[in-house]
Amino acid sequence: MTARHIYVDETKHRDYLMVAAVVLGEDLTTARTVVQGLLKPGQRHLHMKDEADGRKETIAKALAAADLHATVYDAGRRHRTQVLSRAACLSALVSDLATSDVETLIVLDQDDSLMQSDRRLLYRVVRDAGREATMRYEHRRATAEHLLGIPDAFAWCWAKGGHWRSHIRPAITVQTV
């Protein structure tokens, strides 16, 4: 089986949600073409909060139509802090991914204030899952890794709910953590 790339972003709009979008290695070029095609001239990356409603709808529908898939890890308000919510989501993500021997790269949207705690947690949970040889993780900025626009868009739509959620629903699996 081919390698898989997991692009991860979060939203704290109402409750804490983390979205992990899966792109298989052989689909990377297609996914990049889709995301690049959604950027306006001069735009450095997709970020739903910066878009007008019409563009948000176009982006959501295009990503769902591109046969992209993601898991929403919904921590809700079940954890005392957002740091604990994030840890629960990342732990669940690694646990889900560890059920397969497929080479996996997890790419997290870079937040400098969370990198050290993410690395400590991911080192531990990847090791505990016995996947040090097949699972890697790194933080990248959305301006450098355009595919981080996928989980950003899915997270935004899911958090908003209603018709926004309906645009992406076929592409989403939900896990409560």
C-alpha atoms as a PDB file:
ATOM      1  CA  MET A   1       0.000   0.000   0.000  1.00  0.00           C
ATOM      2  CA  THR A   2       1.137   3.544  -0.694  1.00  0.00           C
ATOM      3  CA  ALA A   3       2.235   6.122   1.861  1.00  0.00           C
ATOM      4  CA  ARG A   4      -0.358   8.423   3.311  1.00  0.00           C
ATOM      5  CA  HIS A   5      -0.132  12.038   4.335  1.00  0.00           C
ATOM      6  CA  ILE A   6      -2.362  13.350   7.108  1.00  0.00           C
ATOM      7  CA  TYR A   7      -2.931  17.117   7.224  1.00  0.00           C
ATOM      8  CA  VAL A   8      -4.121  18.389  10.593  1.00  0.00           C
ATOM      9  CA  ASP A   9      -5.735  21.631  11.713  1.00  0.00           C
ATOM     10  CA  GLU A  10      -8.023  22.619  14.540  1.00  0.00           C
ATOM     11  CA  THR A  11     -10.794  25.017  15.363  1.00  0.00           C
ATOM     12  CA  LYS A  12     -11.844  26.362  18.712  1.00  0.00           C
ATOM     13  CA  HIS A  13     -14.902  28.134  17.308  1.00  0.00           C
ATOM     14  CA  ARG A  14     -17.416  26.683  19.771  1.00  0.00           C
ATOM     15  CA  ASP A  15     -15.987  23.426  20.952  1.00  0.00           C
ATOM     16  CA  TYR A  16     -12.549  22.030  20.285  1.00  0.00           C
ATOM     17  CA  LEU A  17     -12.342  20.149  16.967  1.00  0.00           C
ATOM     18  CA  MET A  18      -9.309  18.721  15.238  1.00  0.00           C
ATOM     19  CA  VAL A  19      -9.580  17.658  11.612  1.00  0.00           C
ATOM     20  CA  ALA A  20      -7.217  15.177   9.969  1.00  0.00           C
ATOM     21  CA  ALA A  21      -7.457  15.053   6.172  1.00  0.00           C
ATOM     22  CA  VAL A  22      -6.000  11.997   4.443  1.00  0.00           C
ATOM     23  CA  VAL A  23      -4.191  12.234   1.116  1.00  0.00           C
ATOM     24  CA  LEU A  24      -2.606   9.082  -0.264  1.00  0.00           C
ATOM     25  CA  GLY A  25       0.832   9.446  -1.806  1.00  0.00           C
ATOM     26  CA  GLU A  26      -0.398   8.797  -5.340  1.00  0.00           C
ATOM     27  CA  ASP A  27      -3.064  11.499  -4.894  1.00  0.00           C
ATOM     28  CA  LEU A  28      -0.758  14.293  -3.669  1.00  0.00           C
ATOM     29  CA  THR A  29      -0.348  15.925  -7.078  1.00  0.00           C
ATOM     30  CA  THR A  30      -4.103  15.914  -7.710  1.00  0.00           C
ATOM     31  CA  ALA A  31      -4.848  17.317  -4.248  1.00  0.00           C
ATOM     32  CA  ARG A  32      -2.246  20.069  -4.705  1.00  0.00           C
ATOM     33  CA  THR A  33      -3.758  20.946  -8.087  1.00  0.00           C
ATOM     34  CA  VAL A  34      -7.239  21.224  -6.534  1.00  0.00           C
ATOM     35  CA  VAL A  35      -6.048  23.447  -3.680  1.00  0.00           C
ATOM     36  CA  GLN A  36      -3.842  25.560  -5.972  1.00  0.00           C
ATOM     37  CA  GLY A  37      -6.837  26.054  -8.267  1.00  0.00           C
ATOM     38  CA  LEU A  38      -8.829  27.463  -5.351  1.00  0.00           C
ATOM     39  CA  LEU A  39      -6.267  30.151  -4.538  1.00  0.00           C
ATOM     40  CA  LYS A  40      -6.944  33.625  -5.857  1.00  0.00           C
ATOM     41  CA  PRO A  41      -4.071  35.386  -7.648  1.00  0.00           C
ATOM     42  CA  GLY A  42      -1.542  36.452  -5.030  1.00  0.00           C
ATOM     43  CA  GLN A  43      -3.211  34.458  -2.257  1.00  0.00           C
ATOM     44  CA  ARG A  44      -0.599  32.574  -0.195  1.00  0.00           C
ATOM     45  CA  HIS A  45      -2.877  29.917   1.328  1.00  0.00           C
ATOM     46  CA  LEU A  46      -6.505  28.959   1.953  1.00  0.00           C
ATOM     47  CA  HIS A  47      -7.889  30.149   5.258  1.00  0.00           C
ATOM     48  CA  MET A  48     -11.669  30.038   5.545  1.00  0.00           C
ATOM     49  CA  LYS A  49     -12.022  32.823   8.098  1.00  0.00           C
ATOM     50  CA  ASP A  50     -10.530  35.210   5.532  1.00  0.00           C
ATOM     51  CA  GLU A  51     -12.940  34.265   2.739  1.00  0.00           C
ATOM     52  CA  ALA A  52     -16.305  35.695   1.706  1.00  0.00           C
ATOM     53  CA  ASP A  53     -19.310  33.364   2.004  1.00  0.00           C
ATOM     54  CA  GLY A  54     -19.490  32.669  -1.740  1.00  0.00           C
ATOM     55  CA  ARG A  55     -15.828  31.659  -1.817  1.00  0.00           C
ATOM     56  CA  LYS A  56     -16.265  29.535   1.311  1.00  0.00           C
ATOM     57  CA  GLU A  57     -19.037  27.612  -0.406  1.00  0.00           C
ATOM     58  CA  THR A  58     -16.948  27.180  -3.571  1.00  0.00           C
ATOM     59  CA  ILE A  59     -13.987  25.926  -1.532  1.00  0.00           C
ATOM     60  CA  ALA A  60     -16.056  23.507   0.565  1.00  0.00           C
ATOM     61  CA  LYS A  61     -17.826  22.022  -2.437  1.00  0.00           C
ATOM     62  CA  ALA A  62     -14.620  21.718  -4.469  1.00  0.00           C
ATOM     63  CA  LEU A  63     -12.763  19.919  -1.690  1.00  0.00           C
ATOM     64  CA  ALA A  64     -15.646  17.516  -1.080  1.00  0.00           C
ATOM     65  CA  ALA A  65     -15.983  16.884  -4.831  1.00  0.00           C
ATOM     66  CA  ALA A  66     -12.263  16.102  -5.046  1.00  0.00           C
ATOM     67  CA  ASP A  67     -12.914  12.871  -3.143  1.00  0.00           C
ATOM     68  CA  LEU A  68     -10.891  14.031  -0.163  1.00  0.00           C
ATOM     69  CA  HIS A  69     -11.678  12.499   3.205  1.00  0.00           C
ATOM     70  CA  ALA A  70     -11.121  13.599   6.773  1.00  0.00           C
ATOM     71  CA  THR A  71     -11.851  12.643  10.329  1.00  0.00           C
ATOM     72  CA  VAL A  72     -13.227  15.212  12.744  1.00  0.00           C
ATOM     73  CA  TYR A  73     -11.974  14.547  16.257  1.00  0.00           C
ATOM     74  CA  ASP A  74     -14.560  16.239  18.436  1.00  0.00           C
ATOM     75  CA  ALA A  75     -13.309  16.973  21.946  1.00  0.00           C
ATOM     76  CA  GLY A  76     -16.261  19.248  22.634  1.00  0.00           C
ATOM     77  CA  ARG A  77     -15.892  20.678  26.107  1.00  0.00           C
ATOM     78  CA  ARG A  78     -15.092  17.370  27.757  1.00  0.00           C
ATOM     79  CA  HIS A  79     -11.563  18.387  28.741  1.00  0.00           C
ATOM     80  CA  ARG A  80     -10.567  21.086  31.221  1.00  0.00           C
ATOM     81  CA  THR A  81      -8.313  22.992  28.831  1.00  0.00           C
ATOM     82  CA  GLN A  82      -7.687  23.315  25.117  1.00  0.00           C
ATOM     83  CA  VAL A  83      -4.241  21.797  25.643  1.00  0.00           C
ATOM     84  CA  LEU A  84      -5.883  18.673  27.090  1.00  0.00           C
ATOM     85  CA  SER A  85      -8.421  18.656  24.238  1.00  0.00           C
ATOM     86  CA  ARG A  86      -5.610  18.848  21.706  1.00  0.00           C
ATOM     87  CA  ALA A  87      -3.730  16.034  23.437  1.00  0.00           C
ATOM     88  CA  ALA A  88      -6.851  13.839  23.427  1.00  0.00           C
ATOM     89  CA  CYS A  89      -7.394  14.490  19.712  1.00  0.00           C
ATOM     90  CA  LEU A  90      -3.773  13.844  18.753  1.00  0.00           C
ATOM     91  CA  SER A  91      -3.721  10.657  20.825  1.00  0.00           C
ATOM     92  CA  ALA A  92      -6.905   9.432  19.122  1.00  0.00           C
ATOM     93  CA  LEU A  93      -5.467  10.308  15.704  1.00  0.00           C
ATOM     94  CA  VAL A  94      -2.289   8.312  16.310  1.00  0.00           C
ATOM     95  CA  SER A  95      -4.306   5.423  17.722  1.00  0.00           C
ATOM     96  CA  ASP A  96      -6.468   5.365  14.584  1.00  0.00           C
ATOM     97  CA  LEU A  97      -3.465   5.538  12.264  1.00  0.00           C
ATOM     98  CA  ALA A  98      -1.527   2.895  14.210  1.00  0.00           C
ATOM     99  CA  THR A  99      -3.936   0.162  13.123  1.00  0.00           C
ATOM    100  CA  SER A 100      -2.063   0.040   9.804  1.00  0.00           C
ATOM    101  CA  ASP A 101       1.593  -0.504   8.859  1.00  0.00           C
ATOM    102  CA  VAL A 102       1.336   2.095   6.088  1.00  0.00           C
ATOM    103  CA  GLU A 103       4.092   4.716   6.014  1.00  0.00           C
ATOM    104  CA  THR A 104       2.446   7.832   7.437  1.00  0.00           C
ATOM    105  CA  LEU A 105       3.438  11.474   7.597  1.00  0.00           C
ATOM    106  CA  ILE A 106       1.363  13.670   9.910  1.00  0.00           C
ATOM    107  CA  VAL A 107       1.619  17.359   9.016  1.00  0.00           C
ATOM    108  CA  LEU A 108       0.289  19.727  11.669  1.00  0.00           C
ATOM    109  CA  ASP A 109      -0.509  23.379  11.115  1.00  0.00           C
ATOM    110  CA  GLN A 110       2.340  25.129  12.882  1.00  0.00           C
ATOM    111  CA  ASP A 111       1.517  27.009  16.050  1.00  0.00           C
ATOM    112  CA  ASP A 112       4.828  27.895  17.684  1.00  0.00           C
ATOM    113  CA  SER A 113       3.258  27.914  21.147  1.00  0.00           C
ATOM    114  CA  LEU A 114       2.188  24.259  20.778  1.00  0.00           C
ATOM    115  CA  MET A 115       5.125  22.696  18.959  1.00  0.00           C
ATOM    116  CA  GLN A 116       7.093  21.572  21.997  1.00  0.00           C
ATOM    117  CA  SER A 117       4.112  19.973  23.750  1.00  0.00           C
ATOM    118  CA  ASP A 118       2.954  18.384  20.452  1.00  0.00           C
ATOM    119  CA  ARG A 119       6.382  16.851  19.894  1.00  0.00           C
ATOM    120  CA  ARG A 120       6.550  15.432  23.412  1.00  0.00           C
ATOM    121  CA  LEU A 121       3.066  13.961  23.143  1.00  0.00           C
ATOM    122  CA  LEU A 122       3.527  12.603  19.614  1.00  0.00           C
ATOM    123  CA  TYR A 123       6.885  11.067  20.459  1.00  0.00           C
ATOM    124  CA  ARG A 124       5.281   9.219  23.364  1.00  0.00           C
ATOM    125  CA  VAL A 125       2.069   8.056  21.641  1.00  0.00           C
ATOM    126  CA  VAL A 126       3.818   6.990  18.426  1.00  0.00           C
ATOM    127  CA  ARG A 127       6.369   5.022  20.480  1.00  0.00           C
ATOM    128  CA  ASP A 128       3.634   3.506  22.661  1.00  0.00           C
ATOM    129  CA  ALA A 129       1.793   2.433  19.493  1.00  0.00           C
ATOM    130  CA  GLY A 130       4.967   0.762  18.217  1.00  0.00           C
ATOM    131  CA  ARG A 131       4.957   2.851  15.022  1.00  0.00           C
ATOM    132  CA  GLU A 132       8.289   4.726  15.265  1.00  0.00           C
ATOM    133  CA  ALA A 133       9.432   3.085  12.014  1.00  0.00           C
ATOM    134  CA  THR A 134       6.314   3.920   9.994  1.00  0.00           C
ATOM    135  CA  MET A 135       4.936   7.169  11.418  1.00  0.00           C
ATOM    136  CA  ARG A 136       6.546  10.598  11.207  1.00  0.00           C
ATOM    137  CA  TYR A 137       5.193  14.003  12.136  1.00  0.00           C
ATOM    138  CA  GLU A 138       6.150  17.585  11.480  1.00  0.00           C
ATOM    139  CA  HIS A 139       4.790  21.076  11.828  1.00  0.00           C
ATOM    140  CA  ARG A 140       4.512  23.303   8.762  1.00  0.00           C
ATOM    141  CA  ARG A 141       3.027  26.693   8.083  1.00  0.00           C
ATOM    142  CA  ALA A 142      -0.003  26.820   5.789  1.00  0.00           C
ATOM    143  CA  THR A 143       1.858  29.269   3.548  1.00  0.00           C
ATOM    144  CA  ALA A 144       4.486  26.577   2.919  1.00  0.00           C
ATOM    145  CA  GLU A 145       2.122  23.583   2.802  1.00  0.00           C
ATOM    146  CA  HIS A 146      -1.031  24.436   0.880  1.00  0.00           C
ATOM    147  CA  LEU A 147      -2.690  21.118   1.662  1.00  0.00           C
ATOM    148  CA  LEU A 148      -3.218  22.388   5.215  1.00  0.00           C
ATOM    149  CA  GLY A 149      -6.042  24.366   3.620  1.00  0.00           C
ATOM    150  CA  ILE A 150      -8.028  21.119   3.419  1.00  0.00           C
ATOM    151  CA  PRO A 151      -8.422  20.494   7.165  1.00  0.00           C
ATOM    152  CA  ASP A 152      -8.819  24.239   7.725  1.00  0.00           C
ATOM    153  CA  ALA A 153     -11.814  24.324   5.378  1.00  0.00           C
ATOM    154  CA  PHE A 154     -13.331  21.114   6.731  1.00  0.00           C
ATOM    155  CA  ALA A 155     -12.876  22.270  10.342  1.00  0.00           C
ATOM    156  CA  TRP A 156     -14.430  25.645   9.625  1.00  0.00           C
ATOM    157  CA  CYS A 157     -17.447  24.127   7.881  1.00  0.00           C
ATOM    158  CA  TRP A 158     -17.967  21.472  10.543  1.00  0.00           C
ATOM    159  CA  ALA A 159     -17.763  24.004  13.377  1.00  0.00           C
ATOM    160  CA  LYS A 160     -20.232  26.338  11.662  1.00  0.00           C
ATOM    161  CA  GLY A 161     -22.737  23.517  11.189  1.00  0.00           C
ATOM    162  CA  GLY A 162     -25.956  23.816   9.192  1.00  0.00           C
ATOM    163  CA  HIS A 163     -25.644  24.115   5.436  1.00  0.00           C
ATOM    164  CA  TRP A 164     -21.864  24.559   5.753  1.00  0.00           C
ATOM    165  CA  ARG A 165     -21.571  21.113   7.280  1.00  0.00           C
ATOM    166  CA  SER A 166     -23.855  19.607   4.633  1.00  0.00           C
ATOM    167  CA  HIS A 167     -21.388  20.655   1.887  1.00  0.00           C
ATOM    168  CA  ILE A 168     -18.668  18.436   3.326  1.00  0.00           C
ATOM    169  CA  ARG A 169     -20.644  15.737   5.166  1.00  0.00           C
ATOM    170  CA  PRO A 170     -19.929  12.940   2.645  1.00  0.00           C
ATOM    171  CA  ALA A 171     -16.180  13.475   3.119  1.00  0.00           C
ATOM    172  CA  ILE A 172     -16.257  13.382   6.930  1.00  0.00           C
ATOM    173  CA  THR A 173     -16.046  10.731   9.619  1.00  0.00           C
ATOM    174  CA  VAL A 174     -16.596  11.906  13.202  1.00  0.00           C
ATOM    175  CA  GLN A 175     -14.953  10.574  16.310  1.00  0.00           C
ATOM    176  CA  THR A 176     -15.772  11.872  19.782  1.00  0.00           C
ATOM    177  CA  VAL A 177     -12.745  12.034  22.091  1.00  0.00           C
END
